[in-house]
Every structure is written in structure tokens, then in C-alpha cells.
Amino acid sequence: MGSMTFSIQLIKRDFELTRVVASWHNIGLALSLVFISVALLKGSHQRPAHQTMRFGWGLLIAGTLFYCLSPNIYFSIPAVIIFAAGSVVTGNTATAILGSHSKTALKNMFRTTGFGLFVGALSPTVIGLTTQVEIPWRYTMATTAAVIGVIALFLVPELEARPEPTGESTKIVWDKPIIYILLFSFMTITMEVCLSTWALDLLTDRGTGVKVAILFATVGPYFIALSRIYLSTKNSYNLNRIWNCSIFAITTGTLLIIFTSSPTLTIVGLIIAALGIGPCAAIAIANASASPQGADRGIAVFVVGMGISCGASPWIMGFVSETFGFAAAYSVILLALIASTYFFKSLNREPAGL
């Protein structure tokens, strides 16, 4: 997933696309996330969970290889859609299982999303290192995706069949709490996506060479991941305190990005903002898995919000940055922070830690 989302910035350069046109890859990914997530509610219990996840991994491998071989966007966008479908099939199934353990749900989300994102950030770094020795990014991505995918197919543990839901359990009831979960998910993922989606262009625009920029463009996801991994070591959580720290770090880092033109200070701003953004999406996933409508529907709603954000945020950032500049584009993060804080307060009114 880290390689795919990062490589959209590279395929943009290969095909000589604008950021707005390249964002159609993100929109294709988003549509697939949304529709497959909702469709999965009806069929996810018909076979053992490990079979479902292995099928998803098959789609992930096929979509990645198809993407790396694409000669133009008419092939690369459908490839992203196939890839995203596999991501939903595998990810939603695993997350719903982990999130169903209410006493450890938040720790599970910090741990799995933290380590997962760290590995996701490592993938573009590998691409950056191989480009230093003139190995094409497509070759690196295709080879590693095939190797990792095959290993994953064997690592997925065999699991007992999950309880079959009742008829109404396959339908999402769009009441106020579930809408808040959707909007909170959308806003937290928007902050995460906006921070890194065009970071490569941000750094090159401020004077960094392309090869060096490729290495540092993923600095944000690394520190988002590290903040989650750190929190996963805790046994209890004061969500209000965590959120207040996030507000301070996101605001400080984003303002530094907005008001500097130095590539070094820009990287520092990306790191500070990333440390604040880190806990946000994990909290959103935990809220979703604790939904009164059940973990499956809660996670599906989270992925719908994530999907909409993954499609809309890169396009918005691309349009604003090309029209008004990167300083204006990164102001979107501050707007998303204000909105997400409102939904956080609405969903987590209890003052005690979890």
C-alpha cells in the first residue's frame, strides 16, 4: 500500500501528468475502497476468514503487477482499482477480527497500523535507494510486491469461521453515531493523506533534487508510524491528553511548512506534523470497531470515509497547490484538524482513559 500510493507521484512523472490528472489514480483507489467495503459486508462470512484474506492478497499481487506494467493511465487506473479491492478484502477482514476484542482494540489499532505504516513507509525508501543505482522504480515495486505477497499467502493463519450475521447486520444504519464515525474517519485520513501525498513535489519545488526528495518524501509516514508504535506500548490511554498533544504538534508542524521556503525546515515541519497526526486515524479505527452496530459495519464505515478521503484529498491538494501554491494547500490540514477535533469530542465524551 505504501509503494502504491507513493508511486502515483512517480507515474505522474513517467506519463507527464498534472497533479490533478494523476489524482484520478487516487479517485479510482477511493471508489474501489468504498464499494468493495460495503459489498464485503454481505459476503465476508460465507467462507473462513483466512480464505477471504488469501483471495484479497491475490488481488493485491495481480493489481500491483498490472500497475507496474502499465503503458498509460488507461491501464494504470484499472490496476489501482484491482489493487484497492484486494486491500479492502484483506484489511477489513483482519481489522474487524482485531477490533472485536474491545479491551485491547485501541492497543491493537495502534500496534497494527503503526507497524503496518512503518513497513509501508519503508517500501518507498527502498524505491528511493534503488533509483540511486539506476534501477527503475517499476522493477523494484513489482519484484518486492510479488515476493512479499507470496510470503503473506503462507503467513495468513487458518482461522475458524466467524459467526454468520443476521440479515440486518449486513446493512449499515446511517444514524448519528455512524455518521460521526464516517466524518471523523474522513477528517483524520485527510490529514494523513494531505501531509504526504505530494510531498515529493513539495520538496522539489523548494529546491531539493529529485533523487534526494524521493528519499525524504516518506519522512511523514515514518514518524506517523513511530508515534503509533510508541503508543502501542502503553497499557492505558487518556484520549483527551493524546488528542491535545496531537493538536499542538499538527498545528506547529503545518505552520512551519506553510511559512518556510527552506527544504530542511520543510522536512522538520513534516516530521512534527506527522508525530501529531499519528494517533488520529488509529483512534478513528478503534471508534469504528467499537460501533454499536458491530465491528464489521463500523470498520466498513471507516473504510468508506478513508476511501472518500483517499480520492478527494490528493485532488484537492493538487488543485490548490497548482493554483495557489503549497502554502495554501497545506492549510487544508489545519481545516481538517478543526473538524476532526469536533467529531473526536462528540465520539469520545468520557474523560477517563481507555
Protein backbone atom coordinates (compact mmCIF):
# COMPACT_ATOMS: atom_id res chain seq x y z
CA MET A 1 0.00 0.00 0.00
CA GLY A 2 2.86 2.35 0.80
CA SER A 3 4.53 1.64 -2.54
CA MET A 4 1.30 2.09 -4.48
CA THR A 5 0.25 5.43 -3.01
CA PHE A 6 3.80 6.81 -3.20
CA SER A 7 4.40 5.63 -6.76
CA ILE A 8 1.50 7.73 -8.06
CA GLN A 9 3.91 10.66 -7.74
CA LEU A 10 6.40 8.72 -9.88
CA ILE A 11 3.95 7.54 -12.53
CA LYS A 12 2.84 11.17 -12.80
CA ARG A 13 6.37 11.98 -13.94
CA ASP A 14 6.59 8.95 -16.26
CA PHE A 15 3.36 9.89 -18.05
CA GLU A 16 3.99 13.67 -17.75
CA LEU A 17 0.68 14.30 -15.97
CA THR A 18 -0.50 17.23 -13.91
CA ARG A 19 -1.18 16.60 -10.22
CA VAL A 20 -4.92 16.94 -10.90
CA VAL A 21 -4.89 14.29 -13.65
CA ALA A 22 -2.59 11.98 -11.67
CA SER A 23 -5.10 12.19 -8.81
CA TRP A 24 -7.50 10.06 -10.86
CA HIS A 25 -5.43 7.12 -9.64
CA ASN A 26 -6.36 8.13 -6.09
CA ILE A 27 -10.01 8.54 -7.10
CA GLY A 28 -10.03 5.05 -8.63
CA LEU A 29 -8.50 3.68 -5.45
CA ALA A 30 -11.12 5.52 -3.39
CA LEU A 31 -14.09 4.24 -5.39
CA SER A 32 -12.82 0.69 -5.05
CA LEU A 33 -12.31 1.09 -1.28
CA VAL A 34 -15.84 2.41 -0.81
CA PHE A 35 -17.80 -0.03 -2.98
CA ILE A 36 -15.87 -3.18 -2.06
CA SER A 37 -16.03 -2.32 1.64
CA VAL A 38 -19.83 -2.12 1.56
CA ALA A 39 -20.17 -5.21 -0.66
CA LEU A 40 -17.91 -7.19 1.66
CA LEU A 41 -20.49 -6.94 4.46
CA LYS A 42 -22.76 -9.35 2.59
CA GLY A 43 -20.21 -11.99 1.69
CA SER A 44 -17.42 -11.91 4.25
CA HIS A 45 -18.88 -14.69 6.44
CA GLN A 46 -19.56 -17.21 3.68
CA ARG A 47 -16.08 -18.73 3.91
CA PRO A 48 -13.31 -18.94 6.56
CA ALA A 49 -11.52 -15.64 7.17
CA HIS A 50 -8.12 -16.95 6.05
CA GLN A 51 -9.53 -17.90 2.65
CA THR A 52 -11.01 -14.42 2.26
CA MET A 53 -7.69 -12.79 3.16
CA ARG A 54 -5.73 -15.01 0.78
CA PHE A 55 -8.11 -14.08 -2.03
CA GLY A 56 -7.50 -10.43 -1.19
CA TRP A 57 -3.75 -10.92 -1.30
CA GLY A 58 -4.11 -12.49 -4.74
CA LEU A 59 -5.84 -9.33 -5.96
CA LEU A 60 -3.14 -7.18 -4.34
CA ILE A 61 -0.37 -9.02 -6.20
CA ALA A 62 -2.23 -9.01 -9.54
CA GLY A 63 -3.12 -5.32 -9.30
CA THR A 64 0.45 -4.32 -8.44
CA LEU A 65 2.00 -6.25 -11.33
CA PHE A 66 -0.61 -4.90 -13.75
CA TYR A 67 0.15 -1.37 -12.49
CA CYS A 68 3.91 -1.73 -12.91
CA LEU A 69 3.49 -2.95 -16.49
CA SER A 70 1.04 -0.19 -17.46
CA PRO A 71 2.00 1.88 -20.53
CA ASN A 72 -0.53 4.64 -19.81
CA ILE A 73 -3.30 5.72 -17.40
CA TYR A 74 -5.88 3.60 -19.22
CA PHE A 75 -4.11 0.58 -17.75
CA SER A 76 -2.69 2.02 -14.53
CA ILE A 77 -6.01 3.32 -13.13
CA PRO A 78 -7.84 -0.05 -13.51
CA ALA A 79 -4.79 -1.69 -11.93
CA VAL A 80 -5.10 0.59 -8.90
CA ILE A 81 -8.79 -0.37 -8.62
CA ILE A 82 -7.93 -4.09 -8.58
CA PHE A 83 -5.20 -3.45 -6.02
CA ALA A 84 -7.53 -1.47 -3.75
CA ALA A 85 -10.17 -4.21 -3.91
CA GLY A 86 -7.64 -6.70 -2.62
CA SER A 87 -6.58 -4.28 0.11
CA VAL A 88 -10.17 -3.96 1.35
CA VAL A 89 -10.88 -7.70 1.27
CA THR A 90 -7.77 -8.48 3.31
CA GLY A 91 -7.63 -5.40 5.53
CA ASN A 92 -11.27 -5.18 6.54
CA THR A 93 -11.40 -8.85 7.49
CA ALA A 94 -8.30 -8.67 9.67
CA THR A 95 -9.23 -5.34 11.27
CA ALA A 96 -12.75 -6.47 12.15
CA ILE A 97 -11.31 -9.53 13.91
CA LEU A 98 -8.76 -7.48 15.86
CA GLY A 99 -11.24 -4.72 16.67
CA SER A 100 -13.82 -7.13 18.05
CA HIS A 101 -11.67 -7.55 21.18
CA SER A 102 -12.99 -4.46 22.94
CA LYS A 103 -10.47 -4.47 25.83
CA THR A 104 -7.48 -4.46 23.50
CA ALA A 105 -8.98 -2.77 20.41
CA LEU A 106 -7.14 0.55 20.78
CA LYS A 107 -3.80 -1.13 21.54
CA ASN A 108 -4.36 -3.44 18.55
CA MET A 109 -5.07 -0.47 16.28
CA PHE A 110 -2.02 1.49 17.44
CA ARG A 111 0.18 -1.60 17.02
CA THR A 112 -1.08 -2.93 13.69
CA THR A 113 -1.48 0.44 11.97
CA GLY A 114 1.87 1.56 13.40
CA PHE A 115 3.92 -1.41 12.24
CA GLY A 116 1.93 -1.63 9.02
CA LEU A 117 2.55 2.02 8.16
CA PHE A 118 6.23 1.73 9.12
CA VAL A 119 6.68 -1.08 6.60
CA GLY A 120 4.58 0.94 4.15
CA ALA A 121 6.96 3.88 4.54
CA LEU A 122 9.96 1.56 4.16
CA SER A 123 8.78 0.49 0.71
CA PRO A 124 9.16 3.93 -0.92
CA THR A 125 12.53 4.30 0.81
CA VAL A 126 13.66 1.09 -0.87
CA ILE A 127 12.43 2.52 -4.17
CA GLY A 128 14.38 5.70 -3.45
CA LEU A 129 17.58 3.77 -2.71
CA THR A 130 17.30 1.62 -5.83
CA THR A 131 16.75 4.68 -8.02
CA GLN A 132 20.12 5.93 -6.75
CA VAL A 133 21.74 3.00 -8.58
CA GLU A 134 19.56 3.43 -11.68
CA ILE A 135 17.15 0.54 -11.00
CA PRO A 136 13.69 1.55 -12.34
CA TRP A 137 11.06 2.01 -9.63
CA ARG A 138 8.62 -0.23 -11.51
CA TYR A 139 11.04 -3.17 -11.37
CA THR A 140 11.65 -2.68 -7.65
CA MET A 141 7.96 -2.38 -6.84
CA ALA A 142 6.86 -5.37 -8.95
CA THR A 143 9.59 -7.66 -7.58
CA THR A 144 9.08 -6.80 -3.92
CA ALA A 145 5.27 -6.93 -4.23
CA ALA A 146 5.44 -10.43 -5.72
CA VAL A 147 7.86 -11.69 -3.05
CA ILE A 148 6.01 -10.11 -0.11
CA GLY A 149 2.64 -11.19 -1.49
CA VAL A 150 3.65 -14.83 -1.84
CA ILE A 151 5.09 -14.83 1.69
CA ALA A 152 1.87 -13.29 3.01
CA LEU A 153 -0.23 -16.00 1.38
CA PHE A 154 1.60 -18.56 3.51
CA LEU A 155 1.67 -16.44 6.68
CA VAL A 156 -2.09 -15.90 6.90
CA PRO A 157 -3.13 -18.23 9.76
CA GLU A 158 -6.04 -20.60 9.43
CA LEU A 159 -8.98 -19.25 11.40
CA GLU A 160 -12.29 -20.65 12.49
CA ALA A 161 -15.36 -19.48 10.63
CA ARG A 162 -16.79 -16.27 12.06
CA PRO A 163 -20.43 -16.22 13.27
CA GLU A 164 -22.89 -15.61 10.47
CA PRO A 165 -24.57 -12.21 10.96
CA THR A 166 -28.31 -11.77 10.97
CA GLY A 167 -29.99 -10.25 7.92
CA GLU A 168 -29.97 -6.71 9.25
CA SER A 169 -26.29 -6.96 10.26
CA THR A 170 -25.24 -6.71 6.62
CA LYS A 171 -26.82 -3.26 6.30
CA ILE A 172 -25.41 -0.03 7.69
CA VAL A 173 -27.93 2.08 9.58
CA TRP A 174 -26.94 5.69 8.95
CA ASP A 175 -27.78 7.09 12.35
CA LYS A 176 -25.97 9.99 14.04
CA PRO A 177 -23.17 7.95 15.71
CA ILE A 178 -22.29 6.11 12.49
CA ILE A 179 -22.27 9.37 10.51
CA TYR A 180 -19.90 10.85 13.08
CA ILE A 181 -17.64 7.80 12.70
CA LEU A 182 -17.68 8.34 8.93
CA LEU A 183 -16.83 12.04 9.18
CA PHE A 184 -14.19 11.52 11.88
CA SER A 185 -12.55 8.84 9.73
CA PHE A 186 -12.65 11.12 6.69
CA MET A 187 -11.03 14.02 8.52
CA THR A 188 -8.26 12.02 10.21
CA ILE A 189 -7.30 10.29 6.96
CA THR A 190 -7.45 13.65 5.16
CA MET A 191 -4.76 15.00 7.49
CA GLU A 192 -2.63 11.90 6.91
CA VAL A 193 -3.02 11.89 3.14
CA CYS A 194 -2.57 15.64 2.71
CA LEU A 195 0.69 15.57 4.64
CA SER A 196 2.46 13.17 2.27
CA THR A 197 0.52 12.82 -0.96
CA TRP A 198 2.53 15.47 -2.88
CA ALA A 199 5.50 15.72 -0.51
CA LEU A 200 7.83 14.76 -3.35
CA ASP A 201 6.66 17.74 -5.41
CA LEU A 202 6.72 19.95 -2.31
CA LEU A 203 10.41 19.22 -1.70
CA THR A 204 11.46 19.53 -5.35
CA ASP A 205 9.53 22.80 -5.56
CA ARG A 206 11.66 24.10 -2.70
CA GLY A 207 14.97 23.20 -4.31
CA THR A 208 15.60 19.56 -3.40
CA GLY A 209 16.93 17.23 -6.12
CA VAL A 210 14.54 14.52 -7.29
CA LYS A 211 16.60 11.57 -6.03
CA VAL A 212 17.10 13.18 -2.61
CA ALA A 213 13.44 14.20 -2.48
CA ILE A 214 12.36 10.59 -3.11
CA LEU A 215 14.31 9.55 -0.01
CA PHE A 216 12.81 12.25 2.22
CA ALA A 217 9.27 12.39 0.82
CA THR A 218 8.25 9.47 3.06
CA VAL A 219 9.59 11.02 6.26
CA GLY A 220 6.00 11.82 7.31
CA PRO A 221 4.68 8.24 7.28
CA TYR A 222 7.73 7.03 9.24
CA PHE A 223 7.00 9.36 12.13
CA ILE A 224 3.25 8.73 11.97
CA ALA A 225 4.09 5.06 12.36
CA LEU A 226 6.59 5.61 15.17
CA SER A 227 4.08 7.61 17.20
CA ARG A 228 1.58 4.74 16.94
CA ILE A 229 4.17 2.11 17.80
CA TYR A 230 5.13 4.12 20.89
CA LEU A 231 1.51 4.39 22.00
CA SER A 232 1.01 0.64 21.48
CA THR A 233 3.43 0.04 24.36
CA LYS A 234 1.06 1.74 26.82
CA ASN A 235 -1.47 -0.19 28.90
CA SER A 236 -3.96 2.65 29.32
CA TYR A 237 -4.85 5.73 27.31
CA ASN A 238 -6.08 9.20 28.15
CA LEU A 239 -7.57 10.07 24.78
CA ASN A 240 -8.12 13.74 25.61
CA ARG A 241 -4.46 14.17 26.53
CA ILE A 242 -3.33 12.35 23.38
CA TRP A 243 -5.60 14.48 21.23
CA ASN A 244 -4.43 17.74 22.81
CA CYS A 245 -0.80 16.78 22.11
CA SER A 246 -1.80 15.99 18.53
CA ILE A 247 -3.40 19.40 18.10
CA PHE A 248 -0.21 21.13 19.26
CA ALA A 249 2.12 19.07 17.05
CA ILE A 250 -0.07 19.21 13.93
CA THR A 251 -0.53 22.96 14.23
CA THR A 252 3.16 23.64 14.88
CA GLY A 253 4.44 21.39 12.08
CA THR A 254 1.91 22.55 9.50
CA LEU A 255 2.53 26.25 10.20
CA LEU A 256 6.26 25.62 9.80
CA ILE A 257 5.63 24.05 6.36
CA ILE A 258 3.39 26.95 5.36
CA PHE A 259 5.69 29.79 6.43
CA THR A 260 9.08 28.45 5.33
CA SER A 261 10.69 28.00 1.93
CA SER A 262 13.69 26.06 3.25
CA PRO A 263 13.69 22.36 2.30
CA THR A 264 15.36 21.50 5.62
CA LEU A 265 12.74 23.31 7.69
CA THR A 266 10.04 21.81 5.47
CA ILE A 267 11.25 18.33 6.41
CA VAL A 268 11.28 19.33 10.10
CA GLY A 269 7.71 20.57 9.73
CA LEU A 270 6.66 17.30 8.08
CA ILE A 271 8.16 15.35 10.99
CA ILE A 272 6.49 17.43 13.72
CA ALA A 273 3.11 17.34 12.00
CA ALA A 274 3.45 13.58 11.43
CA LEU A 275 4.02 12.93 15.14
CA GLY A 276 0.72 14.69 15.85
CA ILE A 277 -1.22 13.05 13.03
CA GLY A 278 -0.04 9.56 14.02
CA PRO A 279 -2.58 8.69 16.73
CA CYS A 280 -5.58 10.19 14.92
CA ALA A 281 -6.50 7.51 12.39
CA ALA A 282 -5.81 4.71 14.90
CA ILE A 283 -8.28 6.33 17.30
CA ALA A 284 -10.77 6.58 14.43
CA ILE A 285 -10.40 2.86 13.66
CA ALA A 286 -10.86 1.96 17.33
CA ASN A 287 -14.01 4.09 17.48
CA ALA A 288 -15.28 2.36 14.35
CA SER A 289 -14.62 -1.14 15.68
CA ALA A 290 -16.48 -0.23 18.89
CA SER A 291 -19.55 0.90 16.94
CA PRO A 292 -22.91 -0.14 18.46
CA GLN A 293 -23.69 -1.65 15.04
CA GLY A 294 -20.79 -4.10 15.36
CA ALA A 295 -17.15 -4.22 14.30
CA ASP A 296 -17.86 -5.27 10.71
CA ARG A 297 -20.16 -2.37 9.95
CA GLY A 298 -18.04 0.09 11.92
CA ILE A 299 -14.88 -0.87 10.02
CA ALA A 300 -16.79 -0.73 6.72
CA VAL A 301 -17.88 2.83 7.54
CA PHE A 302 -14.29 3.75 8.48
CA VAL A 303 -13.05 2.45 5.11
CA VAL A 304 -15.79 4.38 3.30
CA GLY A 305 -14.55 7.56 4.99
CA MET A 306 -10.95 6.60 4.25
CA GLY A 307 -11.81 5.84 0.64
CA ILE A 308 -13.55 9.16 0.06
CA SER A 309 -10.59 10.95 1.62
CA CYS A 310 -8.00 8.98 -0.40
CA GLY A 311 -9.80 10.07 -3.55
CA ALA A 312 -10.68 13.65 -2.66
CA SER A 313 -7.64 14.79 -0.66
CA PRO A 314 -4.93 14.31 -3.33
CA TRP A 315 -7.14 16.01 -5.93
CA ILE A 316 -7.84 18.94 -3.61
CA MET A 317 -4.17 19.25 -2.64
CA GLY A 318 -3.15 19.01 -6.30
CA PHE A 319 -5.64 21.65 -7.42
CA VAL A 320 -4.89 24.09 -4.59
CA SER A 321 -1.11 23.67 -4.87
CA GLU A 322 -1.11 24.19 -8.64
CA THR A 323 -3.46 27.17 -8.38
CA PHE A 324 -2.37 28.93 -5.17
CA GLY A 325 0.87 27.21 -4.12
CA PHE A 326 1.86 24.68 -1.48
CA ALA A 327 1.46 27.09 1.44
CA ALA A 328 -2.26 27.35 0.69
CA ALA A 329 -2.55 23.61 0.05
CA TYR A 330 -1.16 22.64 3.46
CA SER A 331 -3.71 24.90 5.14
CA VAL A 332 -6.19 22.12 4.30
CA ILE A 333 -4.62 20.09 7.13
CA LEU A 334 -5.48 22.79 9.66
CA LEU A 335 -9.10 22.90 8.45
CA ALA A 336 -9.33 19.10 8.75
CA LEU A 337 -7.85 19.31 12.26
CA ILE A 338 -10.58 21.71 13.39
CA ALA A 339 -13.32 19.46 12.00
CA SER A 340 -11.79 16.23 13.33
CA THR A 341 -11.47 17.76 16.80
CA TYR A 342 -15.21 18.43 16.82
CA PHE A 343 -16.02 14.84 15.87
CA PHE A 344 -13.44 13.50 18.33
CA LYS A 345 -15.16 15.38 21.17
CA SER A 346 -18.55 14.08 20.02
CA LEU A 347 -17.44 10.44 19.89
CA ASN A 348 -15.20 10.40 22.99
CA ARG A 349 -17.05 12.32 25.66
CA GLU A 350 -15.85 10.12 28.53
CA PRO A 351 -12.98 11.88 30.36
CA ALA A 352 -11.38 8.68 31.62
CA GLY A 353 -8.62 6.95 29.65
CA LEU A 354 -9.20 3.65 27.86
